[in-house]
All heavy atoms as atom14 arrays in JSON, in Angstrom:
{
  "sequence": "QQSGDALVVWGESSADLRYRVWSGSWSGEQPIASPVGDIPRWTAVAPD",
  "atom14_mask": [
    [1, 1, 1, 1, 1, 1, 1, 1, 1, 0, 0, 0, 0, 0],
    [1, 1, 1, 1, 1, 1, 1, 1, 1, 0, 0, 0, 0, 0],
    [1, 1, 1, 1, 1, 1, 0, 0, 0, 0, 0, 0, 0, 0],
    [1, 1, 1, 1, 0, 0, 0, 0, 0, 0, 0, 0, 0, 0],
    [1, 1, 1, 1, 1, 1, 1, 1, 0, 0, 0, 0, 0, 0],
    [1, 1, 1, 1, 1, 0, 0, 0, 0, 0, 0, 0, 0, 0],
    [1, 1, 1, 1, 1, 1, 1, 1, 0, 0, 0, 0, 0, 0],
    [1, 1, 1, 1, 1, 1, 1, 0, 0, 0, 0, 0, 0, 0],
    [1, 1, 1, 1, 1, 1, 1, 0, 0, 0, 0, 0, 0, 0],
    [1, 1, 1, 1, 1, 1, 1, 1, 1, 1, 1, 1, 1, 1],
    [1, 1, 1, 1, 0, 0, 0, 0, 0, 0, 0, 0, 0, 0],
    [1, 1, 1, 1, 1, 1, 1, 1, 1, 0, 0, 0, 0, 0],
    [1, 1, 1, 1, 1, 1, 0, 0, 0, 0, 0, 0, 0, 0],
    [1, 1, 1, 1, 1, 1, 0, 0, 0, 0, 0, 0, 0, 0],
    [1, 1, 1, 1, 1, 0, 0, 0, 0, 0, 0, 0, 0, 0],
    [1, 1, 1, 1, 1, 1, 1, 1, 0, 0, 0, 0, 0, 0],
    [1, 1, 1, 1, 1, 1, 1, 1, 0, 0, 0, 0, 0, 0],
    [1, 1, 1, 1, 1, 1, 1, 1, 1, 1, 1, 0, 0, 0],
    [1, 1, 1, 1, 1, 1, 1, 1, 1, 1, 1, 1, 0, 0],
    [1, 1, 1, 1, 1, 1, 1, 1, 1, 1, 1, 0, 0, 0],
    [1, 1, 1, 1, 1, 1, 1, 0, 0, 0, 0, 0, 0, 0],
    [1, 1, 1, 1, 1, 1, 1, 1, 1, 1, 1, 1, 1, 1],
    [1, 1, 1, 1, 1, 1, 0, 0, 0, 0, 0, 0, 0, 0],
    [1, 1, 1, 1, 0, 0, 0, 0, 0, 0, 0, 0, 0, 0],
    [1, 1, 1, 1, 1, 1, 0, 0, 0, 0, 0, 0, 0, 0],
    [1, 1, 1, 1, 1, 1, 1, 1, 1, 1, 1, 1, 1, 1],
    [1, 1, 1, 1, 1, 1, 0, 0, 0, 0, 0, 0, 0, 0],
    [1, 1, 1, 1, 0, 0, 0, 0, 0, 0, 0, 0, 0, 0],
    [1, 1, 1, 1, 1, 1, 1, 1, 1, 0, 0, 0, 0, 0],
    [1, 1, 1, 1, 1, 1, 1, 1, 1, 0, 0, 0, 0, 0],
    [1, 1, 1, 1, 1, 1, 1, 0, 0, 0, 0, 0, 0, 0],
    [1, 1, 1, 1, 1, 1, 1, 1, 0, 0, 0, 0, 0, 0],
    [1, 1, 1, 1, 1, 0, 0, 0, 0, 0, 0, 0, 0, 0],
    [1, 1, 1, 1, 1, 1, 0, 0, 0, 0, 0, 0, 0, 0],
    [1, 1, 1, 1, 1, 1, 1, 0, 0, 0, 0, 0, 0, 0],
    [1, 1, 1, 1, 1, 1, 1, 0, 0, 0, 0, 0, 0, 0],
    [1, 1, 1, 1, 0, 0, 0, 0, 0, 0, 0, 0, 0, 0],
    [1, 1, 1, 1, 1, 1, 1, 1, 0, 0, 0, 0, 0, 0],
    [1, 1, 1, 1, 1, 1, 1, 1, 0, 0, 0, 0, 0, 0],
    [1, 1, 1, 1, 1, 1, 1, 0, 0, 0, 0, 0, 0, 0],
    [1, 1, 1, 1, 1, 1, 1, 1, 1, 1, 1, 0, 0, 0],
    [1, 1, 1, 1, 1, 1, 1, 1, 1, 1, 1, 1, 1, 1],
    [1, 1, 1, 1, 1, 1, 1, 0, 0, 0, 0, 0, 0, 0],
    [1, 1, 1, 1, 1, 0, 0, 0, 0, 0, 0, 0, 0, 0],
    [1, 1, 1, 1, 1, 1, 1, 0, 0, 0, 0, 0, 0, 0],
    [1, 1, 1, 1, 1, 0, 0, 0, 0, 0, 0, 0, 0, 0],
    [1, 1, 1, 1, 1, 1, 1, 0, 0, 0, 0, 0, 0, 0],
    [1, 1, 1, 1, 1, 1, 1, 1, 0, 0, 0, 0, 0, 0]
  ],
  "atom14_positions": [
    [[-7.16, -4.4, 12.72], [-8.21, -4.53, 13.72], [-7.71, -4.66, 15.15], [-8.42, -4.3, 16.07], [-9.09, -5.73, 13.37], [-9.8, -5.56, 12.03], [-10.67, -4.32, 11.99], [-11.69, -4.25, 12.68], [-10.3, -3.34, 11.19], [0.0, 0.0, 0.0], [0.0, 0.0, 0.0], [0.0, 0.0, 0.0], [0.0, 0.0, 0.0], [0.0, 0.0, 0.0]],
    [[-6.48, -5.12, 15.37], [-5.94, -5.24, 16.72], [-5.15, -4.0, 17.13], [-5.39, -3.44, 18.19], [-5.04, -6.49, 16.82], [-5.75, -7.78, 16.46], [-6.91, -8.09, 17.38], [-6.78, -8.02, 18.59], [-8.04, -8.43, 16.81], [0.0, 0.0, 0.0], [0.0, 0.0, 0.0], [0.0, 0.0, 0.0], [0.0, 0.0, 0.0], [0.0, 0.0, 0.0]],
    [[-4.22, -3.56, 16.29], [-3.35, -2.43, 16.65], [-4.01, -1.08, 16.4], [-3.66, -0.1, 17.03], [-2.04, -2.49, 15.85], [-2.29, -2.13, 14.5], [0.0, 0.0, 0.0], [0.0, 0.0, 0.0], [0.0, 0.0, 0.0], [0.0, 0.0, 0.0], [0.0, 0.0, 0.0], [0.0, 0.0, 0.0], [0.0, 0.0, 0.0], [0.0, 0.0, 0.0]],
    [[-4.93, -1.03, 15.44], [-5.54, 0.24, 15.05], [-4.7, 1.05, 14.08], [-5.1, 2.13, 13.67], [0.0, 0.0, 0.0], [0.0, 0.0, 0.0], [0.0, 0.0, 0.0], [0.0, 0.0, 0.0], [0.0, 0.0, 0.0], [0.0, 0.0, 0.0], [0.0, 0.0, 0.0], [0.0, 0.0, 0.0], [0.0, 0.0, 0.0], [0.0, 0.0, 0.0]],
    [[-3.52, 0.53, 13.7], [-2.7, 1.22, 12.7], [-3.42, 1.22, 11.36], [-4.19, 0.31, 11.06], [-1.34, 0.53, 12.54], [-0.47, 0.66, 13.77], [-0.81, 1.42, 14.68], [0.57, -0.04, 13.8], [0.0, 0.0, 0.0], [0.0, 0.0, 0.0], [0.0, 0.0, 0.0], [0.0, 0.0, 0.0], [0.0, 0.0, 0.0], [0.0, 0.0, 0.0]],
    [[-3.16, 2.24, 10.56], [-3.78, 2.34, 9.23], [-2.74, 2.0, 8.17], [-1.58, 2.39, 8.26], [-4.29, 3.75, 9.0], [0.0, 0.0, 0.0], [0.0, 0.0, 0.0], [0.0, 0.0, 0.0], [0.0, 0.0, 0.0], [0.0, 0.0, 0.0], [0.0, 0.0, 0.0], [0.0, 0.0, 0.0], [0.0, 0.0, 0.0], [0.0, 0.0, 0.0]],
    [[-3.18, 1.27, 7.15], [-2.34, 0.92, 6.02], [-2.92, 1.61, 4.79], [-4.1, 1.45, 4.48], [-2.34, -0.59, 5.81], [-1.54, -1.11, 4.62], [-0.04, -0.98, 4.9], [-1.9, -2.54, 4.33], [0.0, 0.0, 0.0], [0.0, 0.0, 0.0], [0.0, 0.0, 0.0], [0.0, 0.0, 0.0], [0.0, 0.0, 0.0], [0.0, 0.0, 0.0]],
    [[-2.1, 2.41, 4.12], [-2.51, 3.12, 2.91], [-1.75, 2.52, 1.74], [-0.52, 2.39, 1.79], [-2.21, 4.63, 3.02], [-2.63, 5.36, 1.76], [-2.9, 5.22, 4.24], [0.0, 0.0, 0.0], [0.0, 0.0, 0.0], [0.0, 0.0, 0.0], [0.0, 0.0, 0.0], [0.0, 0.0, 0.0], [0.0, 0.0, 0.0], [0.0, 0.0, 0.0]],
    [[-2.46, 2.14, 0.68], [-1.88, 1.49, -0.49], [-2.3, 2.23, -1.74], [-3.45, 2.65, -1.87], [-2.35, 0.02, -0.59], [-1.79, -0.65, -1.83], [-1.98, -0.75, 0.66], [0.0, 0.0, 0.0], [0.0, 0.0, 0.0], [0.0, 0.0, 0.0], [0.0, 0.0, 0.0], [0.0, 0.0, 0.0], [0.0, 0.0, 0.0], [0.0, 0.0, 0.0]],
    [[-1.36, 2.39, -2.7], [-1.71, 3.02, -3.97], [-0.81, 2.49, -5.08], [0.25, 1.92, -4.82], [-1.63, 4.54, -3.87], [-0.24, 5.08, -3.68], [0.61, 5.53, -4.66], [0.48, 5.24, -2.45], [1.8, 5.96, -4.11], [1.74, 5.78, -2.75], [0.17, 4.96, -1.12], [2.68, 6.06, -1.78], [1.13, 5.24, -0.16], [2.35, 5.79, -0.48]],
    [[-1.24, 2.68, -6.31], [-0.45, 2.31, -7.47], [0.15, 3.56, -8.08], [-0.36, 4.66, -7.94], [0.0, 0.0, 0.0], [0.0, 0.0, 0.0], [0.0, 0.0, 0.0], [0.0, 0.0, 0.0], [0.0, 0.0, 0.0], [0.0, 0.0, 0.0], [0.0, 0.0, 0.0], [0.0, 0.0, 0.0], [0.0, 0.0, 0.0], [0.0, 0.0, 0.0]],
    [[1.27, 3.37, -8.73], [1.95, 4.46, -9.44], [1.63, 4.33, -10.93], [0.91, 3.45, -11.34], [3.46, 4.36, -9.2], [3.88, 4.54, -7.76], [3.86, 5.98, -7.31], [3.93, 6.88, -8.16], [3.77, 6.21, -6.1], [0.0, 0.0, 0.0], [0.0, 0.0, 0.0], [0.0, 0.0, 0.0], [0.0, 0.0, 0.0], [0.0, 0.0, 0.0]],
    [[2.2, 5.21, -11.74], [1.96, 5.16, -13.18], [2.85, 4.12, -13.86], [2.9, 4.04, -15.07], [2.2, 6.54, -13.8], [3.54, 6.95, -13.56], [0.0, 0.0, 0.0], [0.0, 0.0, 0.0], [0.0, 0.0, 0.0], [0.0, 0.0, 0.0], [0.0, 0.0, 0.0], [0.0, 0.0, 0.0], [0.0, 0.0, 0.0], [0.0, 0.0, 0.0]],
    [[3.54, 3.33, -13.08], [4.29, 2.19, -13.58], [3.7, 0.96, -12.89], [2.63, 1.03, -12.32], [5.76, 2.36, -13.25], [5.95, 2.3, -11.86], [0.0, 0.0, 0.0], [0.0, 0.0, 0.0], [0.0, 0.0, 0.0], [0.0, 0.0, 0.0], [0.0, 0.0, 0.0], [0.0, 0.0, 0.0], [0.0, 0.0, 0.0], [0.0, 0.0, 0.0]],
    [[4.39, -0.15, -12.93], [3.88, -1.36, -12.28], [4.11, -1.35, -10.77], [3.85, -2.34, -10.11], [4.52, -2.59, -12.91], [0.0, 0.0, 0.0], [0.0, 0.0, 0.0], [0.0, 0.0, 0.0], [0.0, 0.0, 0.0], [0.0, 0.0, 0.0], [0.0, 0.0, 0.0], [0.0, 0.0, 0.0], [0.0, 0.0, 0.0], [0.0, 0.0, 0.0]],
    [[4.59, -0.23, -10.22], [4.89, -0.16, -8.79], [3.64, 0.01, -7.94], [2.75, 0.79, -8.27], [5.82, 1.01, -8.49], [7.19, 0.84, -9.12], [7.58, -0.31, -9.39], [7.85, 1.86, -9.35], [0.0, 0.0, 0.0], [0.0, 0.0, 0.0], [0.0, 0.0, 0.0], [0.0, 0.0, 0.0], [0.0, 0.0, 0.0], [0.0, 0.0, 0.0]],
    [[3.61, -0.72, -6.84], [2.63, -0.51, -5.79], [3.39, 0.02, -4.6], [4.51, -0.4, -4.32], [1.94, -1.83, -5.43], [1.13, -2.46, -6.54], [0.76, -3.89, -6.19], [-0.12, -1.63, -6.79], [0.0, 0.0, 0.0], [0.0, 0.0, 0.0], [0.0, 0.0, 0.0], [0.0, 0.0, 0.0], [0.0, 0.0, 0.0], [0.0, 0.0, 0.0]],
    [[2.79, 0.96, -3.86], [3.46, 1.61, -2.73], [2.54, 1.56, -1.51], [1.32, 1.43, -1.65], [3.76, 3.07, -3.06], [4.34, 3.34, -4.43], [5.77, 3.05, -4.62], [6.65, 3.82, -3.76], [7.94, 3.51, -3.63], [8.45, 2.5, -4.27], [8.71, 4.22, -2.86], [0.0, 0.0, 0.0], [0.0, 0.0, 0.0], [0.0, 0.0, 0.0]],
    [[3.14, 1.72, -0.32], [2.33, 1.78, 0.89], [3.03, 2.6, 1.97], [4.23, 2.81, 1.93], [2.02, 0.37, 1.42], [3.18, -0.31, 2.11], [3.3, -0.27, 3.5], [4.15, -0.99, 1.39], [4.36, -0.9, 4.14], [5.21, -1.63, 2.03], [5.31, -1.57, 3.4], [6.36, -2.19, 4.03], [0.0, 0.0, 0.0], [0.0, 0.0, 0.0]],
    [[2.21, 3.03, 2.93], [2.68, 3.69, 4.15], [1.79, 3.23, 5.29], [0.64, 2.85, 5.07], [2.58, 5.22, 4.03], [3.58, 5.81, 3.04], [3.45, 7.3, 2.97], [4.23, 7.87, 4.08], [4.4, 9.16, 4.26], [3.85, 10.04, 3.44], [5.11, 9.62, 5.26], [0.0, 0.0, 0.0], [0.0, 0.0, 0.0], [0.0, 0.0, 0.0]],
    [[2.32, 3.29, 6.5], [1.58, 2.91, 7.69], [1.46, 4.13, 8.6], [2.43, 4.85, 8.81], [2.28, 1.75, 8.44], [1.57, 1.44, 9.76], [2.37, 0.51, 7.56], [0.0, 0.0, 0.0], [0.0, 0.0, 0.0], [0.0, 0.0, 0.0], [0.0, 0.0, 0.0], [0.0, 0.0, 0.0], [0.0, 0.0, 0.0], [0.0, 0.0, 0.0]],
    [[0.26, 4.34, 9.15], [0.03, 5.38, 10.15], [-0.13, 4.7, 11.5], [-1.04, 3.9, 11.71], [-1.22, 6.19, 9.84], [-1.55, 7.16, 10.93], [-2.47, 6.99, 11.93], [-0.95, 8.44, 11.15], [-2.47, 8.07, 12.76], [-1.55, 8.98, 12.3], [0.03, 9.16, 10.49], [-1.2, 10.22, 12.8], [0.38, 10.4, 11.0], [-0.24, 10.93, 12.13]],
    [[0.78, 5.01, 12.43], [0.7, 4.47, 13.8], [0.93, 5.6, 14.8], [1.67, 5.46, 15.75], [1.72, 3.35, 13.99], [3.02, 3.84, 13.76], [0.0, 0.0, 0.0], [0.0, 0.0, 0.0], [0.0, 0.0, 0.0], [0.0, 0.0, 0.0], [0.0, 0.0, 0.0], [0.0, 0.0, 0.0], [0.0, 0.0, 0.0], [0.0, 0.0, 0.0]],
    [[0.31, 6.74, 14.52], [0.55, 7.94, 15.31], [1.44, 8.91, 14.56], [1.43, 10.1, 14.79], [0.0, 0.0, 0.0], [0.0, 0.0, 0.0], [0.0, 0.0, 0.0], [0.0, 0.0, 0.0], [0.0, 0.0, 0.0], [0.0, 0.0, 0.0], [0.0, 0.0, 0.0], [0.0, 0.0, 0.0], [0.0, 0.0, 0.0], [0.0, 0.0, 0.0]],
    [[2.23, 8.38, 13.63], [3.02, 9.15, 12.68], [3.19, 8.27, 11.44], [3.0, 7.06, 11.49], [4.37, 9.56, 13.27], [5.14, 8.42, 13.57], [0.0, 0.0, 0.0], [0.0, 0.0, 0.0], [0.0, 0.0, 0.0], [0.0, 0.0, 0.0], [0.0, 0.0, 0.0], [0.0, 0.0, 0.0], [0.0, 0.0, 0.0], [0.0, 0.0, 0.0]],
    [[3.56, 8.89, 10.34], [3.7, 8.16, 9.08], [5.02, 7.42, 8.99], [6.06, 7.97, 9.31], [3.61, 9.11, 7.88], [2.22, 9.57, 7.62], [1.74, 10.83, 7.82], [1.15, 8.8, 7.11], [0.42, 10.88, 7.46], [0.02, 9.65, 7.02], [1.0, 7.48, 6.71], [-1.21, 9.21, 6.56], [-0.23, 7.04, 6.25], [-1.31, 7.91, 6.18]],
    [[4.96, 6.18, 8.52], [6.19, 5.47, 8.16], [6.66, 6.04, 6.82], [5.93, 6.77, 6.15], [5.91, 3.97, 7.99], [5.12, 3.74, 6.83], [0.0, 0.0, 0.0], [0.0, 0.0, 0.0], [0.0, 0.0, 0.0], [0.0, 0.0, 0.0], [0.0, 0.0, 0.0], [0.0, 0.0, 0.0], [0.0, 0.0, 0.0], [0.0, 0.0, 0.0]],
    [[7.87, 5.7, 6.43], [8.34, 6.1, 5.11], [7.57, 5.36, 4.03], [7.05, 4.27, 4.25], [0.0, 0.0, 0.0], [0.0, 0.0, 0.0], [0.0, 0.0, 0.0], [0.0, 0.0, 0.0], [0.0, 0.0, 0.0], [0.0, 0.0, 0.0], [0.0, 0.0, 0.0], [0.0, 0.0, 0.0], [0.0, 0.0, 0.0], [0.0, 0.0, 0.0]],
    [[7.51, 5.94, 2.86], [6.88, 5.3, 1.7], [7.71, 4.08, 1.31], [8.93, 4.16, 1.22], [6.82, 6.31, 0.56], [6.16, 5.8, -0.67], [6.11, 6.87, -1.76], [5.7, 8.01, -1.46], [6.5, 6.54, -2.89], [0.0, 0.0, 0.0], [0.0, 0.0, 0.0], [0.0, 0.0, 0.0], [0.0, 0.0, 0.0], [0.0, 0.0, 0.0]],
    [[7.05, 2.95, 1.08], [7.73, 1.71, 0.75], [7.11, 1.06, -0.49], [5.91, 1.17, -0.71], [7.62, 0.72, 1.91], [8.24, 1.19, 3.2], [9.74, 1.27, 3.09], [10.39, 0.42, 2.5], [10.31, 2.33, 3.66], [0.0, 0.0, 0.0], [0.0, 0.0, 0.0], [0.0, 0.0, 0.0], [0.0, 0.0, 0.0], [0.0, 0.0, 0.0]],
    [[7.91, 0.32, -1.27], [7.35, -0.44, -2.39], [6.8, -1.78, -1.9], [7.25, -2.31, -0.89], [8.55, -0.65, -3.3], [9.71, -0.69, -2.36], [9.37, 0.28, -1.24], [0.0, 0.0, 0.0], [0.0, 0.0, 0.0], [0.0, 0.0, 0.0], [0.0, 0.0, 0.0], [0.0, 0.0, 0.0], [0.0, 0.0, 0.0], [0.0, 0.0, 0.0]],
    [[5.83, -2.28, -2.61], [5.35, -3.64, -2.38], [5.97, -4.5, -3.47], [5.78, -4.23, -4.66], [3.8, -3.72, -2.46], [3.19, -2.83, -1.39], [3.34, -5.16, -2.32], [1.69, -2.66, -1.51], [0.0, 0.0, 0.0], [0.0, 0.0, 0.0], [0.0, 0.0, 0.0], [0.0, 0.0, 0.0], [0.0, 0.0, 0.0], [0.0, 0.0, 0.0]],
    [[6.74, -5.5, -3.08], [7.37, -6.38, -4.07], [6.28, -6.96, -4.95], [5.31, -7.54, -4.47], [8.15, -7.48, -3.38], [0.0, 0.0, 0.0], [0.0, 0.0, 0.0], [0.0, 0.0, 0.0], [0.0, 0.0, 0.0], [0.0, 0.0, 0.0], [0.0, 0.0, 0.0], [0.0, 0.0, 0.0], [0.0, 0.0, 0.0], [0.0, 0.0, 0.0]],
    [[6.39, -6.76, -6.25], [5.27, -7.07, -7.13], [5.69, -7.69, -8.44], [6.44, -7.1, -9.19], [4.5, -5.78, -7.41], [3.53, -6.0, -8.4], [0.0, 0.0, 0.0], [0.0, 0.0, 0.0], [0.0, 0.0, 0.0], [0.0, 0.0, 0.0], [0.0, 0.0, 0.0], [0.0, 0.0, 0.0], [0.0, 0.0, 0.0], [0.0, 0.0, 0.0]],
    [[5.18, -8.89, -8.73], [5.38, -9.46, -10.05], [4.25, -9.07, -11.01], [4.07, -9.68, -12.04], [5.37, -10.96, -9.78], [4.37, -11.1, -8.69], [4.55, -9.84, -7.84], [0.0, 0.0, 0.0], [0.0, 0.0, 0.0], [0.0, 0.0, 0.0], [0.0, 0.0, 0.0], [0.0, 0.0, 0.0], [0.0, 0.0, 0.0], [0.0, 0.0, 0.0]],
    [[3.46, -8.07, -10.63], [2.29, -7.7, -11.42], [2.67, -7.46, -12.87], [2.0, -7.93, -13.79], [1.58, -6.46, -10.81], [0.52, -5.93, -11.73], [0.98, -6.82, -9.46], [0.0, 0.0, 0.0], [0.0, 0.0, 0.0], [0.0, 0.0, 0.0], [0.0, 0.0, 0.0], [0.0, 0.0, 0.0], [0.0, 0.0, 0.0], [0.0, 0.0, 0.0]],
    [[3.75, -6.72, -13.14], [4.24, -6.55, -14.49], [3.38, -5.69, -15.38], [3.59, -5.63, -16.59], [0.0, 0.0, 0.0], [0.0, 0.0, 0.0], [0.0, 0.0, 0.0], [0.0, 0.0, 0.0], [0.0, 0.0, 0.0], [0.0, 0.0, 0.0], [0.0, 0.0, 0.0], [0.0, 0.0, 0.0], [0.0, 0.0, 0.0], [0.0, 0.0, 0.0]],
    [[2.4, -5.03, -14.84], [1.51, -4.18, -15.61], [1.1, -3.03, -14.7], [1.19, -3.12, -13.48], [0.29, -4.98, -16.07], [-0.52, -4.31, -17.16], [-0.13, -3.2, -17.6], [-1.53, -4.88, -17.58], [0.0, 0.0, 0.0], [0.0, 0.0, 0.0], [0.0, 0.0, 0.0], [0.0, 0.0, 0.0], [0.0, 0.0, 0.0], [0.0, 0.0, 0.0]],
    [[0.61, -1.95, -15.27], [0.21, -0.79, -14.47], [-1.05, -1.13, -13.67], [-2.04, -1.6, -14.24], [-0.05, 0.42, -15.39], [1.25, 0.8, -16.1], [-0.59, 1.59, -14.58], [1.06, 1.84, -17.19], [0.0, 0.0, 0.0], [0.0, 0.0, 0.0], [0.0, 0.0, 0.0], [0.0, 0.0, 0.0], [0.0, 0.0, 0.0], [0.0, 0.0, 0.0]],
    [[-1.04, -0.91, -12.35], [-2.23, -1.15, -11.55], [-3.37, -0.23, -12.02], [-3.18, 0.96, -12.22], [-1.81, -0.79, -10.13], [-0.32, -0.89, -10.14], [0.09, -0.49, -11.52], [0.0, 0.0, 0.0], [0.0, 0.0, 0.0], [0.0, 0.0, 0.0], [0.0, 0.0, 0.0], [0.0, 0.0, 0.0], [0.0, 0.0, 0.0], [0.0, 0.0, 0.0]],
    [[-4.53, -0.81, -12.21], [-5.71, -0.04, -12.61], [-6.5, 0.34, -11.36], [-6.88, 1.48, -11.19], [-6.57, -0.86, -13.56], [-7.76, -0.1, -14.08], [-8.5, -0.91, -15.12], [-8.95, 0.0, -16.15], [-9.35, -0.35, -17.33], [-9.34, -1.63, -17.66], [-9.75, 0.52, -18.19], [0.0, 0.0, 0.0], [0.0, 0.0, 0.0], [0.0, 0.0, 0.0]],
    [[-6.8, -0.64, -10.54], [-7.51, -0.41, -9.29], [-6.88, -1.24, -8.2], [-6.37, -2.32, -8.45], [-8.99, -0.8, -9.41], [-9.78, 0.11, -10.29], [-10.06, 1.43, -10.08], [-10.38, -0.23, -11.53], [-10.81, 1.92, -11.11], [-11.02, 0.93, -12.03], [-10.45, -1.39, -12.29], [-11.71, 0.96, -13.21], [-11.14, -1.37, -13.48], [-11.77, -0.2, -13.93]],
    [[-6.95, -0.72, -6.99], [-6.56, -1.49, -5.81], [-7.72, -1.49, -4.84], [-8.54, -0.55, -4.83], [-5.32, -0.88, -5.11], [-5.6, 0.45, -4.7], [-4.1, -0.91, -6.02], [0.0, 0.0, 0.0], [0.0, 0.0, 0.0], [0.0, 0.0, 0.0], [0.0, 0.0, 0.0], [0.0, 0.0, 0.0], [0.0, 0.0, 0.0], [0.0, 0.0, 0.0]],
    [[-7.82, -2.53, -4.06], [-8.83, -2.62, -3.01], [-8.19, -3.29, -1.81], [-7.33, -4.16, -1.97], [-10.03, -3.45, -3.49], [0.0, 0.0, 0.0], [0.0, 0.0, 0.0], [0.0, 0.0, 0.0], [0.0, 0.0, 0.0], [0.0, 0.0, 0.0], [0.0, 0.0, 0.0], [0.0, 0.0, 0.0], [0.0, 0.0, 0.0], [0.0, 0.0, 0.0]],
    [[-8.55, -2.85, -0.6], [-8.04, -3.46, 0.63], [-9.2, -3.8, 1.54], [-10.26, -3.17, 1.49], [-7.04, -2.51, 1.36], [-5.77, -2.34, 0.56], [-7.66, -1.17, 1.66], [0.0, 0.0, 0.0], [0.0, 0.0, 0.0], [0.0, 0.0, 0.0], [0.0, 0.0, 0.0], [0.0, 0.0, 0.0], [0.0, 0.0, 0.0], [0.0, 0.0, 0.0]],
    [[-9.0, -4.83, 2.37], [-10.01, -5.24, 3.35], [-9.31, -5.82, 4.56], [-8.4, -6.64, 4.41], [-10.95, -6.27, 2.75], [0.0, 0.0, 0.0], [0.0, 0.0, 0.0], [0.0, 0.0, 0.0], [0.0, 0.0, 0.0], [0.0, 0.0, 0.0], [0.0, 0.0, 0.0], [0.0, 0.0, 0.0], [0.0, 0.0, 0.0], [0.0, 0.0, 0.0]],
    [[-9.71, -5.4, 5.77], [-9.09, -5.94, 6.98], [-9.71, -7.28, 7.37], [-10.9, -7.52, 7.14], [-9.4, -4.88, 8.03], [-10.71, -4.29, 7.59], [-10.66, -4.33, 6.08], [0.0, 0.0, 0.0], [0.0, 0.0, 0.0], [0.0, 0.0, 0.0], [0.0, 0.0, 0.0], [0.0, 0.0, 0.0], [0.0, 0.0, 0.0], [0.0, 0.0, 0.0]],
    [[-8.89, -8.14, 7.96], [-9.39, -9.35, 8.6], [-10.0, -8.89, 9.92], [-9.33, -8.2, 10.7], [-8.22, -10.3, 8.85], [-8.63, -11.6, 9.53], [-9.74, -11.69, 10.1], [-7.82, -12.54, 9.5], [0.0, 0.0, 0.0], [0.0, 0.0, 0.0], [0.0, 0.0, 0.0], [0.0, 0.0, 0.0], [0.0, 0.0, 0.0], [0.0, 0.0, 0.0]]
  ]
}
């Protein structure tokens, strides 16, 4: 809400969660450190 950058989050076919940031250009794809231990079924995001 302050910077206007976009955060994109998705799950892989393993327990990995990944993200990228758009701030005029794309950041590299990064993992989200996750103790989830199971395959993500759904993800949801909401800004403050």
